[in-house]
Amino acid sequence: MSAPPEKRSAARAWFAAWPTAAFVLAALLAGRVGGAAAAERPELAIPAKDKVYVIPIRENIMPPLVYVVRRGVKDAMESGATALILDMKTDGGRVDVTEEIIEIVSKFKGTTVTYVNDRAFSAGAFISTATQKIYMAPQSVIGAAAPIMMAPGGGVAEKLPDTMEVKMTSAVRALVRVQAEKNGHNIEVVEAMIDKTKELKMDGEVLNKEGNILTLTDRQASKEYGDPPKKLLSSGTVESLDALLVELGYTAAQRVDIQPTGAEKLGTWINAIAPILLIIGMIGVYIEFKTPGFGLPGIIGIIAFTLYFFGGYVAGLSGAGWGVVFVLGLVLVAVELFLFPGTFIAGITGGVLMLVAIVMGMVDMYPGAPSWPAFPQLRIPLRDISVAIIVSLAVVVVMAGYFPKSSLYNKLVSQTASGEAFNTAEEERHTSQVGLNGVAISPLLPGGKARFGDRILDVITQGELIEKGSKVKIIGHSASVAVVEEHGGNEGSIPG
């Protein structure tokens, strides 16, 4: 007899709504965990008007620095800070990293300042133009911003070929010109730092001859030219960061210094192999669900997923909350497979939560931004998970036919969850059960339950799926779980 129409409608509404409900649950949980982490940081609770964040731009501008800057900008935005200061001392670095840092800094809506604390060469000069004001320390210099080839270790490798130099100079000039125009810096000065074909002449004084790259001292950068007079590039020379705060009118402000954690370099390597970590994690979890007990495949899978979410956390992306969401999804999938097989709701919801967590764990979200990311933010996470799913499915298809018959599977099945041998009495009892026939009283996916005479046992297959009601035979044990295969014999009873 079919269900009443109103019940069928309610069921259809539930199945249509559960993906949205799962995402909302995931977002709320991730946000709550992330918010709790932020609440543990006392600087985020101080009134916004009294707060200035200082982010160090040190050494060569390479990928780990992106993580430091991103973390600092997000903390400043979350706390409602008034100003963001880049404490600059660098010889330059990669253009692509520079572009990323410029984009991150531009998201901060308060006052942005660069303090050239010794030197801002090349990429450092580019980043300086992304802030509204530039101040310099005594005897500091800024400029020499022509593109160069970087060696793998971060040093200068060689001079660029002429054609490549022209292309890179054009691209960099466009990038920096946009930032300089937006922040009111002198375009001609900035271009003379990039393009050696430009001559810079102000009030009849030649500041840079054609064929040279412009580099300015603190005094030159703060000198006034034009009518009405306007400082060339720097708003002034100040002795220290504390003096800069006084100059900017933030004498009573709380200063928050962002410190590198030392994990940024590790995070760079982890995020570079993110698709590989996902593949290892997926295959490890698959093998663990296919074998009884808990062993090496599960440990490897958990480590891989932990590293994946740790990489996103170190990178300053969506935070650690999505790792918790992933664990919740994994638990729901396990509940579906081992406790309530055949219901599908727990398993599908868990799968959606895991998928959402993997994607959102690498999405770059900022305080105050829409809760749902735009496609450009999803592009890299979707690429990584697509590669991981395709490779993992290919490996799983091969393993589904080979793994249950392999010696590795037999070794895993023969071990207990703790890795210790059974005691003699237990071995004897298990030996007496081998060969008994029974009936599966739940789908075996691969775990489930089967009835042998008047006793019901937890059982697991060698990887194959067995439908409810099928006849099964005990062929071995793993810990307290009987290993079965489909069999057409008559049902037997368990010896006492």
Protein backbone atom coordinates (compact mmCIF):
# COMPACT_ATOMS: atom_id res chain seq x y z
CA MET A 1 0.00 0.00 0.00
CA SER A 2 1.43 3.41 -0.98
CA ALA A 3 1.90 6.29 1.45
CA PRO A 4 -0.66 9.13 1.55
CA PRO A 5 0.06 12.06 -0.82
CA GLU A 6 0.88 14.43 2.02
CA LYS A 7 3.53 12.03 3.37
CA ARG A 8 5.03 11.57 -0.10
CA SER A 9 5.17 15.37 -0.48
CA ALA A 10 6.85 15.75 2.89
CA ALA A 11 9.40 13.10 1.96
CA ARG A 12 10.15 14.80 -1.35
CA ALA A 13 10.56 18.14 0.44
CA TRP A 14 12.97 16.59 2.92
CA PHE A 15 15.17 15.03 0.24
CA ALA A 16 15.14 18.32 -1.69
CA ALA A 17 16.10 20.36 1.37
CA TRP A 18 18.70 18.19 3.09
CA PRO A 19 21.74 19.40 1.03
CA THR A 20 20.97 23.02 1.96
CA ALA A 21 20.37 22.05 5.57
CA ALA A 22 23.65 20.16 5.66
CA PHE A 23 25.56 23.15 4.31
CA VAL A 24 23.90 25.53 6.79
CA LEU A 25 24.78 23.14 9.63
CA ALA A 26 28.37 22.94 8.38
CA ALA A 27 28.70 26.72 8.04
CA LEU A 28 27.25 27.35 11.50
CA LEU A 29 29.52 24.77 13.11
CA ALA A 30 32.63 26.02 11.27
CA GLY A 31 31.79 29.60 12.17
CA ARG A 32 31.19 28.74 15.81
CA VAL A 33 34.50 26.91 16.09
CA GLY A 34 36.34 29.68 14.25
CA GLY A 35 34.65 32.30 16.42
CA ALA A 36 35.65 30.45 19.56
CA ALA A 37 39.27 30.43 18.37
CA ALA A 38 39.13 34.18 17.74
CA ALA A 39 37.61 34.77 21.17
CA GLU A 40 40.71 33.23 22.75
CA ARG A 41 42.81 36.06 21.29
CA PRO A 42 42.45 39.06 23.61
CA GLU A 43 43.54 41.63 21.01
CA LEU A 44 40.36 40.93 19.01
CA ALA A 45 38.15 42.10 21.87
CA ILE A 46 39.59 45.64 22.31
CA PRO A 47 37.61 48.63 20.95
CA ALA A 48 38.27 49.12 17.22
CA LYS A 49 39.11 52.84 17.43
CA ASP A 50 42.11 52.14 19.68
CA LYS A 51 43.79 49.46 17.60
CA VAL A 52 46.62 49.49 15.03
CA TYR A 53 48.00 46.30 13.46
CA VAL A 54 51.64 46.03 12.40
CA ILE A 55 52.59 43.33 9.86
CA PRO A 56 56.29 42.58 9.19
CA ILE A 57 57.45 42.42 5.55
CA ARG A 58 60.85 40.84 5.98
CA GLU A 59 63.55 39.10 3.93
CA ASN A 60 62.61 37.91 0.43
CA ILE A 61 58.96 38.19 -0.53
CA MET A 62 58.11 34.53 -1.01
CA PRO A 63 54.94 32.38 -0.48
CA PRO A 64 55.24 31.98 3.33
CA LEU A 65 54.92 35.75 3.69
CA VAL A 66 51.48 35.61 2.09
CA TYR A 67 50.25 33.56 5.05
CA VAL A 68 51.58 36.09 7.57
CA VAL A 69 50.00 39.02 5.72
CA ARG A 70 46.68 37.23 5.22
CA ARG A 71 46.46 36.30 8.88
CA GLY A 72 47.30 39.84 9.95
CA VAL A 73 44.81 41.50 7.61
CA LYS A 74 42.00 39.14 8.61
CA ASP A 75 42.69 39.67 12.31
CA ALA A 76 42.72 43.43 11.77
CA MET A 77 39.43 43.32 9.86
CA GLU A 78 37.79 41.02 12.42
CA SER A 79 38.81 43.30 15.29
CA GLY A 80 37.72 46.44 13.44
CA ALA A 81 41.20 47.97 13.59
CA THR A 82 41.64 51.58 12.51
CA ALA A 83 44.98 51.25 10.77
CA LEU A 84 47.27 48.65 9.19
CA ILE A 85 51.03 49.29 9.04
CA LEU A 86 53.46 47.26 6.90
CA ASP A 87 56.86 47.27 8.63
CA MET A 88 59.05 46.97 5.52
CA LYS A 89 62.63 45.69 5.28
CA THR A 90 63.14 43.62 2.14
CA ASP A 91 65.29 43.24 -0.96
CA GLY A 92 62.25 42.13 -2.98
CA GLY A 93 60.95 38.81 -4.24
CA ARG A 94 58.49 37.13 -6.56
CA VAL A 95 56.04 39.15 -8.62
CA ASP A 96 53.21 36.63 -8.25
CA VAL A 97 53.56 36.67 -4.46
CA THR A 98 53.67 40.47 -4.58
CA GLU A 99 50.40 40.56 -6.52
CA GLU A 100 48.75 38.30 -3.96
CA ILE A 101 49.94 40.44 -1.04
CA ILE A 102 48.75 43.62 -2.77
CA GLU A 103 45.31 42.07 -3.27
CA ILE A 104 45.13 41.03 0.39
CA VAL A 105 46.18 44.46 1.70
CA SER A 106 43.61 46.16 -0.54
CA LYS A 107 40.80 44.34 1.30
CA PHE A 108 41.48 46.31 4.49
CA LYS A 109 39.13 49.32 4.57
CA GLY A 110 40.90 51.45 7.18
CA THR A 111 44.10 53.49 6.92
CA THR A 112 47.03 51.61 5.33
CA VAL A 113 50.65 52.72 5.80
CA THR A 114 54.06 51.39 4.76
CA TYR A 115 56.97 52.13 7.07
CA VAL A 116 60.22 51.61 5.16
CA ASN A 117 62.33 50.39 8.04
CA ASP A 118 65.73 50.31 6.30
CA ARG A 119 64.89 49.38 2.69
CA ALA A 120 62.09 48.55 0.27
CA PHE A 121 63.63 47.29 -2.96
CA SER A 122 61.88 45.77 -5.96
CA ALA A 123 58.73 43.94 -4.82
CA GLY A 124 58.88 45.84 -1.53
CA ALA A 125 58.46 49.09 -3.46
CA PHE A 126 55.52 47.58 -5.37
CA ILE A 127 53.76 46.62 -2.13
CA SER A 128 54.41 50.08 -0.68
CA THR A 129 52.31 51.64 -3.44
CA ALA A 130 49.36 49.50 -2.30
CA THR A 131 49.14 51.52 0.94
CA GLN A 132 47.70 55.01 1.28
CA LYS A 133 50.80 56.51 2.92
CA ILE A 134 54.51 55.78 2.89
CA TYR A 135 56.83 56.82 5.71
CA MET A 136 60.56 56.09 5.94
CA ALA A 137 63.15 55.59 8.66
CA PRO A 138 66.31 57.73 8.66
CA GLN A 139 68.88 56.53 6.04
CA SER A 140 66.33 54.17 4.49
CA VAL A 141 65.91 53.68 0.72
CA ILE A 142 63.11 52.69 -1.64
CA GLY A 143 63.06 51.76 -5.32
CA ALA A 144 65.13 49.60 -7.71
CA ALA A 145 61.90 47.88 -8.65
CA ALA A 146 62.78 46.42 -12.07
CA PRO A 147 61.70 42.76 -12.51
CA ILE A 148 64.50 40.20 -11.99
CA MET A 149 64.80 36.43 -12.26
CA MET A 150 64.68 34.72 -8.86
CA ALA A 151 66.69 31.59 -8.08
CA PRO A 152 64.92 28.63 -6.36
CA GLY A 153 66.50 29.60 -3.02
CA GLY A 154 65.21 33.15 -3.28
CA GLY A 155 68.31 34.98 -4.56
CA VAL A 156 68.83 36.71 -7.88
CA ALA A 157 69.49 34.14 -10.59
CA GLU A 158 70.30 36.08 -13.74
CA LYS A 159 69.35 38.99 -15.93
CA LEU A 160 66.07 38.60 -17.76
CA PRO A 161 66.14 38.14 -21.56
CA ASP A 162 65.18 41.38 -23.30
CA THR A 163 61.79 40.15 -24.59
CA MET A 164 60.82 38.74 -21.19
CA GLU A 165 61.99 41.90 -19.46
CA VAL A 166 59.78 44.04 -21.71
CA LYS A 167 56.73 41.85 -21.03
CA MET A 168 57.26 41.70 -17.27
CA THR A 169 58.00 45.42 -17.03
CA SER A 170 54.76 46.19 -18.87
CA ALA A 171 52.73 43.86 -16.63
CA VAL A 172 54.29 45.13 -13.41
CA ARG A 173 53.92 48.76 -14.49
CA ALA A 174 50.18 48.25 -15.05
CA LEU A 175 49.76 46.56 -11.67
CA VAL A 176 51.68 49.22 -9.75
CA ARG A 177 50.16 52.12 -11.70
CA VAL A 178 46.66 51.05 -10.63
CA GLN A 179 47.74 50.94 -6.97
CA ALA A 180 49.62 54.26 -7.18
CA GLU A 181 46.67 56.04 -8.77
CA LYS A 182 44.25 54.61 -6.20
CA ASN A 183 46.41 55.73 -3.27
CA GLY A 184 47.50 59.10 -4.64
CA HIS A 185 51.18 58.36 -5.23
CA ASN A 186 53.17 60.08 -7.99
CA ILE A 187 52.82 57.86 -11.08
CA GLU A 188 55.95 59.16 -12.76
CA VAL A 189 58.08 58.42 -9.70
CA VAL A 190 56.75 54.87 -9.40
CA GLU A 191 57.25 54.14 -13.11
CA ALA A 192 60.84 55.43 -12.97
CA MET A 193 61.49 52.78 -10.30
CA ILE A 194 60.33 50.07 -12.70
CA ASP A 195 61.25 51.15 -16.22
CA LYS A 196 64.88 52.04 -16.95
CA THR A 197 63.85 53.78 -20.18
CA LYS A 198 62.06 56.54 -18.25
CA GLU A 199 63.70 59.80 -17.25
CA LEU A 200 62.33 61.53 -14.15
CA LYS A 201 62.54 65.33 -14.15
CA MET A 202 60.86 67.50 -11.49
CA ASP A 203 60.99 71.34 -11.41
CA GLY A 204 63.86 71.27 -13.92
CA GLU A 205 65.91 68.87 -11.79
CA VAL A 206 66.79 65.49 -13.31
CA LEU A 207 66.19 62.96 -10.55
CA ASN A 208 66.78 59.88 -12.69
CA LYS A 209 68.51 59.64 -16.06
CA GLU A 210 67.28 57.38 -18.83
CA GLY A 211 68.93 53.97 -18.55
CA ASN A 212 68.88 53.96 -14.74
CA ILE A 213 66.41 52.59 -12.22
CA LEU A 214 65.21 55.15 -9.68
CA THR A 215 66.14 54.59 -6.03
CA LEU A 216 65.30 57.24 -3.41
CA THR A 217 66.70 57.95 0.03
CA ASP A 218 64.34 59.03 2.78
CA ARG A 219 65.30 62.68 2.26
CA GLN A 220 64.82 62.54 -1.50
CA ALA A 221 61.48 60.75 -1.18
CA SER A 222 60.09 63.37 1.22
CA LYS A 223 61.32 66.42 -0.72
CA GLU A 224 58.57 68.66 -2.13
CA TYR A 225 58.13 69.49 -5.81
CA GLY A 226 55.52 71.17 -7.97
CA ASP A 227 53.01 73.96 -7.49
CA PRO A 228 51.42 73.58 -5.04
CA PRO A 229 54.35 71.72 -3.40
CA LYS A 230 53.84 68.01 -2.90
CA LYS A 231 56.16 65.42 -1.40
CA LEU A 232 57.77 63.20 -4.02
CA LEU A 233 56.76 59.85 -2.51
CA SER A 234 57.24 59.63 1.26
CA SER A 235 54.97 61.48 3.67
CA GLY A 236 57.91 61.97 6.04
CA THR A 237 60.86 60.53 7.93
CA VAL A 238 60.25 59.16 11.43
CA GLU A 239 62.65 57.51 13.87
CA SER A 240 60.62 54.42 14.77
CA LEU A 241 57.25 52.71 14.65
CA ASP A 242 56.29 54.35 17.93
CA ALA A 243 57.12 57.74 16.44
CA LEU A 244 55.05 56.82 13.39
CA LEU A 245 52.02 56.13 15.59
CA VAL A 246 52.42 59.59 17.12
CA GLU A 247 52.75 61.13 13.64
CA LEU A 248 49.56 59.38 12.50
CA GLY A 249 47.62 60.47 15.59
CA TYR A 250 47.42 57.02 17.18
CA THR A 251 49.32 57.88 20.36
CA ALA A 252 46.78 56.14 22.61
CA ALA A 253 46.12 53.25 20.25
CA GLN A 254 46.87 49.67 21.16
CA ARG A 255 49.55 48.28 18.86
CA VAL A 256 49.16 44.65 17.79
CA ASP A 257 52.27 43.13 16.18
CA ILE A 258 51.67 40.11 13.95
CA GLN A 259 54.47 37.61 14.43
CA PRO A 260 55.46 34.82 12.01
CA THR A 261 54.74 31.47 13.67
CA GLY A 262 57.47 29.48 11.94
CA ALA A 263 54.84 27.17 10.45
CA GLU A 264 54.36 29.27 7.30
CA LYS A 265 57.10 27.48 5.34
CA LEU A 266 55.68 24.11 6.35
CA GLY A 267 52.22 25.31 5.31
CA THR A 268 53.57 26.27 1.88
CA TRP A 269 54.76 22.73 1.25
CA ILE A 270 51.57 21.19 2.63
CA ASN A 271 49.33 23.31 0.40
CA ALA A 272 51.51 22.53 -2.63
CA ILE A 273 50.67 18.82 -2.20
CA ALA A 274 47.03 19.32 -1.13
CA PRO A 275 45.60 17.13 -3.97
CA ILE A 276 48.01 14.31 -3.03
CA LEU A 277 46.96 14.54 0.61
CA LEU A 278 43.31 14.28 -0.42
CA ILE A 279 44.04 11.22 -2.56
CA ILE A 280 45.92 9.50 0.27
CA GLY A 281 43.16 10.42 2.74
CA MET A 282 40.34 9.13 0.54
CA ILE A 283 42.10 5.84 -0.25
CA GLY A 284 43.11 5.35 3.39
CA VAL A 285 39.52 5.83 4.60
CA TYR A 286 38.24 3.52 1.85
CA ILE A 287 40.60 0.72 2.88
CA GLU A 288 39.75 1.26 6.55
CA PHE A 289 36.02 0.91 5.89
CA LYS A 290 36.70 -2.22 3.85
CA THR A 291 38.69 -3.95 6.58
CA PRO A 292 37.61 -4.85 10.11
CA GLY A 293 38.99 -3.13 13.18
CA PHE A 294 41.09 0.02 13.03
CA GLY A 295 44.60 -0.06 11.67
CA LEU A 296 47.29 1.50 9.52
CA PRO A 297 45.11 2.62 6.55
CA GLY A 298 42.82 4.58 8.85
CA ILE A 299 45.77 6.18 10.64
CA ILE A 300 47.35 7.22 7.33
CA GLY A 301 44.03 8.59 6.06
CA ILE A 302 43.46 10.62 9.23
CA ILE A 303 47.02 12.02 9.11
CA ALA A 304 46.57 13.03 5.46
CA PHE A 305 43.28 14.85 6.09
CA THR A 306 44.71 16.46 9.25
CA LEU A 307 47.65 17.82 7.27
CA TYR A 308 45.27 19.09 4.59
CA PHE A 309 43.20 21.12 7.06
CA PHE A 310 46.32 22.19 8.95
CA GLY A 311 47.70 23.62 5.70
CA GLY A 312 44.55 25.69 5.22
CA TYR A 313 44.71 26.88 8.82
CA VAL A 314 48.36 27.96 8.56
CA ALA A 315 47.62 29.70 5.25
CA GLY A 316 45.04 31.84 7.06
CA LEU A 317 42.16 30.62 4.90
CA SER A 318 38.81 29.48 6.34
CA GLY A 319 40.07 28.29 9.71
CA ALA A 320 40.06 25.09 11.74
CA GLY A 321 36.27 24.87 12.03
CA TRP A 322 35.91 23.04 8.73
CA GLY A 323 38.15 20.26 10.04
CA VAL A 324 35.56 19.66 12.76
CA VAL A 325 32.81 19.60 10.13
CA PHE A 326 34.78 16.99 8.18
CA VAL A 327 35.09 14.76 11.28
CA LEU A 328 31.33 15.08 11.86
CA GLY A 329 30.69 13.99 8.27
CA LEU A 330 33.05 11.05 8.63
CA VAL A 331 31.26 9.94 11.79
CA LEU A 332 27.89 10.07 10.01
CA VAL A 333 29.23 7.93 7.16
CA ALA A 334 30.53 5.39 9.70
CA VAL A 335 27.14 5.37 11.45
CA GLU A 336 25.49 4.64 8.09
CA LEU A 337 27.85 1.79 7.26
CA PHE A 338 28.11 0.03 10.61
CA LEU A 339 25.10 0.95 12.78
CA PHE A 340 22.16 1.75 10.50
CA PRO A 341 23.04 0.36 7.05
CA GLY A 342 20.52 0.98 4.31
CA THR A 343 19.01 4.18 5.72
CA PHE A 344 21.18 6.40 3.43
CA ILE A 345 20.25 9.70 5.17
CA ALA A 346 23.19 9.63 7.59
CA GLY A 347 25.62 8.48 4.92
CA ILE A 348 24.59 11.04 2.29
CA THR A 349 24.51 13.89 4.81
CA GLY A 350 27.92 12.86 6.10
CA GLY A 351 29.30 12.71 2.57
CA VAL A 352 28.00 16.21 1.81
CA LEU A 353 29.51 17.58 5.02
CA MET A 354 32.87 16.02 4.17
CA LEU A 355 32.79 17.43 0.63
CA VAL A 356 31.79 20.92 1.81
CA ALA A 357 34.48 20.88 4.51
CA ILE A 358 37.22 19.87 2.05
CA VAL A 359 36.27 22.67 -0.35
CA MET A 360 35.67 25.38 2.26
CA GLY A 361 38.84 24.44 4.17
CA MET A 362 40.87 26.02 1.36
CA VAL A 363 38.59 28.98 0.47
CA ASP A 364 39.97 32.43 1.23
CA MET A 365 37.16 34.12 3.21
CA TYR A 366 37.41 37.56 4.83
CA PRO A 367 35.46 39.09 7.74
CA GLY A 368 32.42 40.97 6.48
CA ALA A 369 32.43 39.18 3.12
CA PRO A 370 29.37 37.23 1.86
CA SER A 371 29.05 33.86 3.59
CA TRP A 372 28.86 32.05 0.24
CA PRO A 373 32.14 32.29 -1.73
CA ALA A 374 32.26 33.45 -5.35
CA PHE A 375 33.57 31.13 -8.06
CA PRO A 376 37.10 32.65 -8.18
CA GLN A 377 37.46 31.75 -4.50
CA LEU A 378 36.30 28.19 -5.21
CA ARG A 379 38.44 27.61 -8.30
CA ILE A 380 41.56 26.18 -6.64
CA PRO A 381 39.74 24.04 -3.99
CA LEU A 382 37.39 22.63 -6.65
CA ARG A 383 40.37 21.87 -8.89
CA ASP A 384 42.17 20.04 -6.09
CA ILE A 385 39.18 17.99 -5.00
CA SER A 386 38.26 17.13 -8.62
CA VAL A 387 41.75 15.78 -9.23
CA ALA A 388 41.64 13.87 -5.94
CA ILE A 389 38.22 12.33 -6.64
CA ILE A 390 39.13 11.23 -10.18
CA VAL A 391 42.42 9.63 -9.10
CA SER A 392 40.90 8.07 -5.97
CA LEU A 393 37.99 6.56 -7.93
CA ALA A 394 40.41 5.04 -10.42
CA VAL A 395 42.47 3.53 -7.60
CA VAL A 396 39.36 2.31 -5.76
CA VAL A 397 38.00 0.59 -8.90
CA VAL A 398 41.28 -1.29 -9.27
CA MET A 399 41.43 -2.11 -5.57
CA ALA A 400 37.81 -3.31 -5.43
CA GLY A 401 38.77 -6.21 -7.67
CA TYR A 402 42.27 -6.84 -6.39
CA PHE A 403 42.44 -5.79 -2.74
CA PRO A 404 40.05 -8.35 -1.12
CA LYS A 405 42.11 -11.16 -2.73
CA SER A 406 45.51 -9.70 -1.89
CA SER A 407 47.93 -10.82 0.81
CA LEU A 408 47.80 -7.30 2.30
CA TYR A 409 44.06 -7.63 2.94
CA ASN A 410 44.58 -11.00 4.61
CA LYS A 411 47.23 -9.49 6.85
CA LEU A 412 44.95 -6.61 7.82
CA VAL A 413 42.02 -8.94 8.49
CA SER A 414 44.13 -11.27 10.57
CA GLN A 415 45.09 -8.48 13.01
CA THR A 416 42.98 -7.30 15.88
CA ALA A 417 42.15 -3.64 16.42
CA SER A 418 44.95 -3.41 18.97
CA GLY A 419 47.43 -5.45 16.94
CA GLU A 420 47.65 -8.16 19.63
CA ALA A 421 46.92 -11.86 19.22
CA PHE A 422 43.76 -13.42 20.63
CA ASN A 423 44.03 -15.53 23.74
CA THR A 424 43.79 -19.30 23.36
CA ALA A 425 40.15 -19.62 24.50
CA GLU A 426 39.03 -16.95 22.06
CA GLU A 427 40.93 -18.59 19.24
CA GLU A 428 39.28 -21.93 19.99
CA ARG A 429 35.81 -20.35 20.02
CA HIS A 430 36.45 -18.63 16.72
CA THR A 431 37.84 -21.81 15.21
CA SER A 432 34.60 -23.61 16.12
CA GLN A 433 32.57 -20.94 14.30
CA VAL A 434 34.46 -21.13 11.01
CA GLY A 435 32.34 -22.86 8.35
CA LEU A 436 28.96 -22.02 9.91
CA ASN A 437 26.21 -20.79 7.62
CA GLY A 438 23.77 -17.99 8.43
CA VAL A 439 21.61 -15.23 6.98
CA ALA A 440 22.45 -11.53 6.64
CA ILE A 441 19.80 -9.59 8.55
CA SER A 442 21.14 -6.24 7.29
CA PRO A 443 22.96 -5.19 4.15
CA LEU A 444 26.69 -5.90 4.53
CA LEU A 445 28.39 -2.71 3.24
CA PRO A 446 30.83 -4.40 4.04
CA GLY A 447 29.96 -4.49 7.76
CA GLY A 448 26.60 -5.45 9.22
CA LYS A 449 24.83 -8.20 11.16
CA ALA A 450 23.96 -11.83 10.41
CA ARG A 451 21.95 -14.48 12.26
CA PHE A 452 23.40 -17.93 12.93
CA GLY A 453 20.71 -20.12 14.50
CA ASP A 454 19.48 -18.22 17.54
CA ARG A 455 22.47 -15.83 17.77
CA ILE A 456 23.13 -12.57 15.97
CA LEU A 457 26.76 -11.56 15.26
CA ASP A 458 28.57 -8.53 13.93
CA VAL A 459 30.08 -9.58 10.62
CA ILE A 460 32.12 -8.11 7.80
CA THR A 461 32.79 -9.21 4.23
CA GLN A 462 36.10 -9.27 2.37
CA GLY A 463 35.10 -6.12 0.54
CA GLU A 464 32.10 -7.24 -1.48
CA LEU A 465 28.57 -5.98 -0.78
CA ILE A 466 25.99 -8.58 0.29
CA GLU A 467 22.25 -7.87 0.30
CA LYS A 468 20.01 -8.37 3.30
CA GLY A 469 18.52 -11.90 3.37
CA SER A 470 21.48 -13.49 1.56
CA LYS A 471 23.02 -16.66 2.95
CA VAL A 472 26.53 -16.23 4.33
CA LYS A 473 29.31 -18.41 5.67
CA ILE A 474 31.93 -17.62 8.34
CA ILE A 475 35.42 -17.99 6.86
CA GLY A 476 37.49 -16.32 9.58
CA HIS A 477 37.62 -13.64 12.25
CA SER A 478 39.10 -10.23 12.93
CA ALA A 479 39.08 -9.47 16.66
CA SER A 480 35.48 -10.14 17.70
CA VAL A 481 34.08 -9.68 14.19
CA ALA A 482 33.31 -12.68 11.99
CA VAL A 483 34.48 -12.47 8.38
CA VAL A 484 31.89 -13.89 5.99
CA GLU A 485 31.28 -14.58 2.33
CA GLU A 486 28.09 -15.24 0.41
CA HIS A 487 27.25 -18.96 0.45
CA GLY A 488 24.36 -21.17 -0.54
CA GLY A 489 24.54 -23.73 2.28
CA ASN A 490 22.02 -24.41 5.06
CA GLU A 491 21.93 -22.24 8.16
CA GLY A 492 23.76 -23.51 11.24
CA SER A 493 23.80 -22.56 14.90
CA ILE A 494 26.61 -21.07 17.00
CA PRO A 495 28.14 -23.49 19.51
CA GLY A 496 27.78 -22.32 23.08
